[in-house]
């Protein structure tokens, strides 16, 4: 689980906008870029090339 303090300082690497935890808590969502950054072993993978398109939940 990602701590709230970490979520507060993380930003989308593409647009530098806010991100939020998805419902399954296995990814971080940027609504502006419509991208999901996966979380693997409690580490967010904040690489633009690794992000996947957002599928509405």
PDB file of N, CA and C in Angstrom:
ATOM      1  N   UNK A   1       0.856  -1.191   0.000  1.00  0.00           N
ATOM      2  CA  UNK A   1       0.000   0.000   0.000  1.00  0.00           C
ATOM      3  C   UNK A   1       0.895   1.247   0.000  1.00  0.00           C
ATOM      4  N   UNK A   2       0.548   2.173  -0.855  1.00  0.00           N
ATOM      5  CA  UNK A   2       1.289   3.441  -0.954  1.00  0.00           C
ATOM      6  C   UNK A   2       0.820   4.365   0.178  1.00  0.00           C
ATOM      7  N   UNK A   3       1.764   4.973   0.842  1.00  0.00           N
ATOM      8  CA  UNK A   3       1.417   5.897   1.923  1.00  0.00           C
ATOM      9  C   UNK A   3       0.878   7.200   1.352  1.00  0.00           C
ATOM     10  N   UNK A   4      -0.021   7.827   2.114  1.00  0.00           N
ATOM     11  CA  UNK A   4      -0.631   9.086   1.688  1.00  0.00           C
ATOM     12  C   UNK A   4       0.428  10.169   1.479  1.00  0.00           C
ATOM     13  N   UNK A   5       1.457  10.175   2.316  1.00  0.00           N
ATOM     14  CA  UNK A   5       2.518  11.177   2.190  1.00  0.00           C
ATOM     15  C   UNK A   5       3.214  11.066   0.826  1.00  0.00           C
ATOM     16  N   UNK A   6       3.413   9.827   0.354  1.00  0.00           N
ATOM     17  CA  UNK A   6       4.034   9.624  -0.947  1.00  0.00           C
ATOM     18  C   UNK A   6       3.096  10.075  -2.066  1.00  0.00           C
ATOM     19  N   UNK A   7       1.823   9.742  -1.954  1.00  0.00           N
ATOM     20  CA  UNK A   7       0.847  10.172  -2.965  1.00  0.00           C
ATOM     21  C   UNK A   7       0.784  11.692  -3.075  1.00  0.00           C
ATOM     22  N   UNK A   8       0.941  12.357  -1.942  1.00  0.00           N
ATOM     23  CA  UNK A   8       0.868  13.819  -1.929  1.00  0.00           C
ATOM     24  C   UNK A   8       2.012  14.478  -2.695  1.00  0.00           C
ATOM     25  N   UNK A   9       3.168  13.813  -2.783  1.00  0.00           N
ATOM     26  CA  UNK A   9       4.313  14.443  -3.459  1.00  0.00           C
ATOM     27  C   UNK A   9       4.529  13.932  -4.883  1.00  0.00           C
ATOM     28  N   UNK A  10       3.898  12.806  -5.237  1.00  0.00           N
ATOM     29  CA  UNK A  10       4.059  12.272  -6.591  1.00  0.00           C
ATOM     30  C   UNK A  10       3.238  13.075  -7.596  1.00  0.00           C
ATOM     31  N   UNK A  11       3.751  13.170  -8.807  1.00  0.00           N
ATOM     32  CA  UNK A  11       3.047  13.844  -9.902  1.00  0.00           C
ATOM     33  C   UNK A  11       3.237  13.026 -11.167  1.00  0.00           C
ATOM     34  N   UNK A  12       2.366  13.219 -12.110  1.00  0.00           N
ATOM     35  CA  UNK A  12       2.480  12.541 -13.393  1.00  0.00           C
ATOM     36  C   UNK A  12       3.771  13.003 -14.072  1.00  0.00           C
ATOM     37  N   UNK A  13       4.611  12.058 -14.501  1.00  0.00           N
ATOM     38  CA  UNK A  13       5.865  12.469 -15.144  1.00  0.00           C
ATOM     39  C   UNK A  13       5.658  13.115 -16.517  1.00  0.00           C
ATOM     40  N   UNK A  14       4.501  12.902 -17.118  1.00  0.00           N
ATOM     41  CA  UNK A  14       4.249  13.466 -18.451  1.00  0.00           C
ATOM     42  C   UNK A  14       3.773  14.916 -18.368  1.00  0.00           C
ATOM     43  N   UNK A  15       2.737  15.162 -17.556  1.00  0.00           N
ATOM     44  CA  UNK A  15       2.155  16.509 -17.509  1.00  0.00           C
ATOM     45  C   UNK A  15       2.443  17.251 -16.205  1.00  0.00           C
ATOM     46  N   UNK A  16       3.056  16.548 -15.246  1.00  0.00           N
ATOM     47  CA  UNK A  16       3.359  17.103 -13.915  1.00  0.00           C
ATOM     48  C   UNK A  16       2.103  17.395 -13.111  1.00  0.00           C
ATOM     49  N   UNK A  17       0.975  16.828 -13.533  1.00  0.00           N
ATOM     50  CA  UNK A  17      -0.294  17.023 -12.839  1.00  0.00           C
ATOM     51  C   UNK A  17      -0.492  16.031 -11.707  1.00  0.00           C
ATOM     52  N   UNK A  18      -1.604  16.171 -10.997  1.00  0.00           N
ATOM     53  CA  UNK A  18      -1.891  15.293  -9.858  1.00  0.00           C
ATOM     54  C   UNK A  18      -2.222  13.876 -10.308  1.00  0.00           C
ATOM     55  N   UNK A  19      -1.920  12.922  -9.433  1.00  0.00           N
ATOM     56  CA  UNK A  19      -2.275  11.533  -9.676  1.00  0.00           C
ATOM     57  C   UNK A  19      -3.063  11.025  -8.479  1.00  0.00           C
ATOM     58  N   UNK A  20      -3.761   9.932  -8.689  1.00  0.00           N
ATOM     59  CA  UNK A  20      -4.522   9.333  -7.595  1.00  0.00           C
ATOM     60  C   UNK A  20      -4.469   7.826  -7.706  1.00  0.00           C
ATOM     61  N   UNK A  21      -4.685   7.170  -6.590  1.00  0.00           N
ATOM     62  CA  UNK A  21      -4.686   5.719  -6.535  1.00  0.00           C
ATOM     63  C   UNK A  21      -5.957   5.197  -7.193  1.00  0.00           C
ATOM     64  N   UNK A  22      -5.842   4.122  -7.977  1.00  0.00           N
ATOM     65  CA  UNK A  22      -7.041   3.557  -8.590  1.00  0.00           C
ATOM     66  C   UNK A  22      -7.803   2.716  -7.562  1.00  0.00           C
ATOM     67  N   UNK A  23      -8.997   2.272  -7.931  1.00  0.00           N
ATOM     68  CA  UNK A  23      -9.855   1.535  -6.991  1.00  0.00           C
ATOM     69  C   UNK A  23      -9.232   0.235  -6.521  1.00  0.00           C
ATOM     70  N   UNK A  24      -8.507  -0.448  -7.409  1.00  0.00           N
ATOM     71  CA  UNK A  24      -7.872  -1.726  -7.044  1.00  0.00           C
ATOM     72  C   UNK A  24      -6.584  -1.523  -6.257  1.00  0.00           C
ATOM     73  N   UNK A  25      -6.140  -0.267  -6.158  1.00  0.00           N
ATOM     74  CA  UNK A  25      -4.910   0.107  -5.456  1.00  0.00           C
ATOM     75  C   UNK A  25      -3.677  -0.593  -6.027  1.00  0.00           C
ATOM     76  N   UNK A  26      -3.703  -0.820  -7.359  1.00  0.00           N
ATOM     77  CA  UNK A  26      -2.541  -1.429  -8.016  1.00  0.00           C
ATOM     78  C   UNK A  26      -1.966  -0.517  -9.099  1.00  0.00           C
ATOM     79  N   UNK A  27      -2.408   0.742  -9.098  1.00  0.00           N
ATOM     80  CA  UNK A  27      -1.924   1.698 -10.081  1.00  0.00           C
ATOM     81  C   UNK A  27      -2.243   3.124  -9.691  1.00  0.00           C
ATOM     82  N   UNK A  28      -1.529   4.039 -10.301  1.00  0.00           N
ATOM     83  CA  UNK A  28      -1.745   5.468 -10.093  1.00  0.00           C
ATOM     84  C   UNK A  28      -2.295   6.064 -11.378  1.00  0.00           C
ATOM     85  N   UNK A  29      -3.345   6.835 -11.260  1.00  0.00           N
ATOM     86  CA  UNK A  29      -4.061   7.378 -12.416  1.00  0.00           C
ATOM     87  C   UNK A  29      -3.758   8.859 -12.598  1.00  0.00           C
ATOM     88  N   UNK A  30      -3.472   9.232 -13.853  1.00  0.00           N
ATOM     89  CA  UNK A  30      -3.443  10.642 -14.239  1.00  0.00           C
ATOM     90  C   UNK A  30      -4.651  10.852 -15.145  1.00  0.00           C
ATOM     91  N   UNK A  31      -5.628  11.575 -14.668  1.00  0.00           N
ATOM     92  CA  UNK A  31      -6.859  11.794 -15.441  1.00  0.00           C
ATOM     93  C   UNK A  31      -6.613  12.733 -16.628  1.00  0.00           C
ATOM     94  N   UNK A  32      -5.643  13.642 -16.514  1.00  0.00           N
ATOM     95  CA  UNK A  32      -5.344  14.575 -17.599  1.00  0.00           C
ATOM     96  C   UNK A  32      -4.772  13.824 -18.799  1.00  0.00           C
ATOM     97  N   UNK A  33      -3.777  12.979 -18.549  1.00  0.00           N
ATOM     98  CA  UNK A  33      -3.120  12.225 -19.625  1.00  0.00           C
ATOM     99  C   UNK A  33      -3.846  10.926 -19.962  1.00  0.00           C
ATOM    100  N   UNK A  34      -4.804  10.547 -19.098  1.00  0.00           N
ATOM    101  CA  UNK A  34      -5.536   9.279 -19.246  1.00  0.00           C
ATOM    102  C   UNK A  34      -4.568   8.091 -19.276  1.00  0.00           C
ATOM    103  N   UNK A  35      -3.651   8.083 -18.275  1.00  0.00           N
ATOM    104  CA  UNK A  35      -2.664   7.023 -18.147  1.00  0.00           C
ATOM    105  C   UNK A  35      -2.727   6.403 -16.758  1.00  0.00           C
ATOM    106  N   UNK A  36      -2.324   5.129 -16.680  1.00  0.00           N
ATOM    107  CA  UNK A  36      -2.202   4.431 -15.403  1.00  0.00           C
ATOM    108  C   UNK A  36      -0.762   3.976 -15.264  1.00  0.00           C
ATOM    109  N   UNK A  37      -0.157   4.324 -14.140  1.00  0.00           N
ATOM    110  CA  UNK A  37       1.190   3.881 -13.819  1.00  0.00           C
ATOM    111  C   UNK A  37       1.053   2.746 -12.807  1.00  0.00           C
ATOM    112  N   UNK A  38       1.553   1.571 -13.161  1.00  0.00           N
ATOM    113  CA  UNK A  38       1.411   0.396 -12.306  1.00  0.00           C
ATOM    114  C   UNK A  38       2.232   0.524 -11.030  1.00  0.00           C
ATOM    115  N   UNK A  39       1.767  -0.195  -9.997  1.00  0.00           N
ATOM    116  CA  UNK A  39       2.500  -0.315  -8.746  1.00  0.00           C
ATOM    117  C   UNK A  39       2.920  -1.780  -8.635  1.00  0.00           C
ATOM    118  N   UNK A  40       4.216  -2.023  -8.557  1.00  0.00           N
ATOM    119  CA  UNK A  40       4.744  -3.391  -8.436  1.00  0.00           C
ATOM    120  C   UNK A  40       5.554  -3.486  -7.153  1.00  0.00           C
ATOM    121  N   UNK A  41       5.213  -4.444  -6.304  1.00  0.00           N
ATOM    122  CA  UNK A  41       5.913  -4.635  -5.023  1.00  0.00           C
ATOM    123  C   UNK A  41       5.957  -3.345  -4.215  1.00  0.00           C
ATOM    124  N   UNK A  42       4.818  -2.650  -4.177  1.00  0.00           N
ATOM    125  CA  UNK A  42       4.657  -1.388  -3.445  1.00  0.00           C
ATOM    126  C   UNK A  42       5.514  -0.244  -3.982  1.00  0.00           C
ATOM    127  N   UNK A  43       6.007  -0.373  -5.225  1.00  0.00           N
ATOM    128  CA  UNK A  43       6.812   0.681  -5.850  1.00  0.00           C
ATOM    129  C   UNK A  43       6.099   1.165  -7.109  1.00  0.00           C
ATOM    130  N   UNK A  44       5.741   2.453  -7.163  1.00  0.00           N
ATOM    131  CA  UNK A  44       5.104   2.970  -8.378  1.00  0.00           C
ATOM    132  C   UNK A  44       6.114   3.057  -9.528  1.00  0.00           C
ATOM    133  N   UNK A  45       5.728   2.550 -10.679  1.00  0.00           N
ATOM    134  CA  UNK A  45       6.574   2.588 -11.871  1.00  0.00           C
ATOM    135  C   UNK A  45       6.177   3.839 -12.664  1.00  0.00           C
ATOM    136  N   UNK A  46       6.885   4.931 -12.414  1.00  0.00           N
ATOM    137  CA  UNK A  46       6.526   6.240 -12.955  1.00  0.00           C
ATOM    138  C   UNK A  46       7.286   6.547 -14.246  1.00  0.00           C
ATOM    139  N   UNK A  47       7.262   5.614 -15.182  1.00  0.00           N
ATOM    140  CA  UNK A  47       7.905   5.797 -16.478  1.00  0.00           C
ATOM    141  C   UNK A  47       6.818   5.943 -17.543  1.00  0.00           C
ATOM    142  N   UNK A  48       6.898   6.981 -18.337  1.00  0.00           N
ATOM    143  CA  UNK A  48       5.883   7.247 -19.357  1.00  0.00           C
ATOM    144  C   UNK A  48       5.758   6.064 -20.315  1.00  0.00           C
ATOM    145  N   UNK A  49       6.875   5.492 -20.708  1.00  0.00           N
ATOM    146  CA  UNK A  49       6.854   4.363 -21.647  1.00  0.00           C
ATOM    147  C   UNK A  49       6.230   3.106 -21.054  1.00  0.00           C
ATOM    148  N   UNK A  50       6.195   3.007 -19.718  1.00  0.00           N
ATOM    149  CA  UNK A  50       5.629   1.829 -19.049  1.00  0.00           C
ATOM    150  C   UNK A  50       4.147   2.009 -18.712  1.00  0.00           C
ATOM    151  N   UNK A  51       3.640   3.226 -18.821  1.00  0.00           N
ATOM    152  CA  UNK A  51       2.245   3.506 -18.478  1.00  0.00           C
ATOM    153  C   UNK A  51       1.311   2.875 -19.505  1.00  0.00           C
ATOM    154  N   UNK A  52       0.091   2.573 -19.050  1.00  0.00           N
ATOM    155  CA  UNK A  52      -0.906   2.018 -19.960  1.00  0.00           C
ATOM    156  C   UNK A  52      -2.091   2.982 -20.017  1.00  0.00           C
ATOM    157  N   UNK A  53      -2.847   2.931 -21.099  1.00  0.00           N
ATOM    158  CA  UNK A  53      -4.007   3.817 -21.225  1.00  0.00           C
ATOM    159  C   UNK A  53      -5.034   3.546 -20.126  1.00  0.00           C
ATOM    160  N   UNK A  54      -5.658   4.591 -19.688  1.00  0.00           N
ATOM    161  CA  UNK A  54      -6.688   4.492 -18.663  1.00  0.00           C
ATOM    162  C   UNK A  54      -7.956   3.906 -19.244  1.00  0.00           C
ATOM    163  N   UNK A  55      -8.437   2.847 -18.605  1.00  0.00           N
ATOM    164  CA  UNK A  55      -9.746   2.290 -18.931  1.00  0.00           C
ATOM    165  C   UNK A  55     -10.667   2.725 -17.819  1.00  0.00           C
ATOM    166  N   UNK A  56     -11.739   3.373 -18.161  1.00  0.00           N
ATOM    167  CA  UNK A  56     -12.646   3.896 -17.136  1.00  0.00           C
ATOM    168  C   UNK A  56     -13.102   2.785 -16.216  1.00  0.00           C
ATOM    169  N   UNK A  57     -13.054   3.065 -14.913  1.00  0.00           N
ATOM    170  CA  UNK A  57     -13.419   2.084 -13.887  1.00  0.00           C
ATOM    171  C   UNK A  57     -14.866   2.218 -13.515  1.00  0.00           C
TER     172      UNK A  57
END
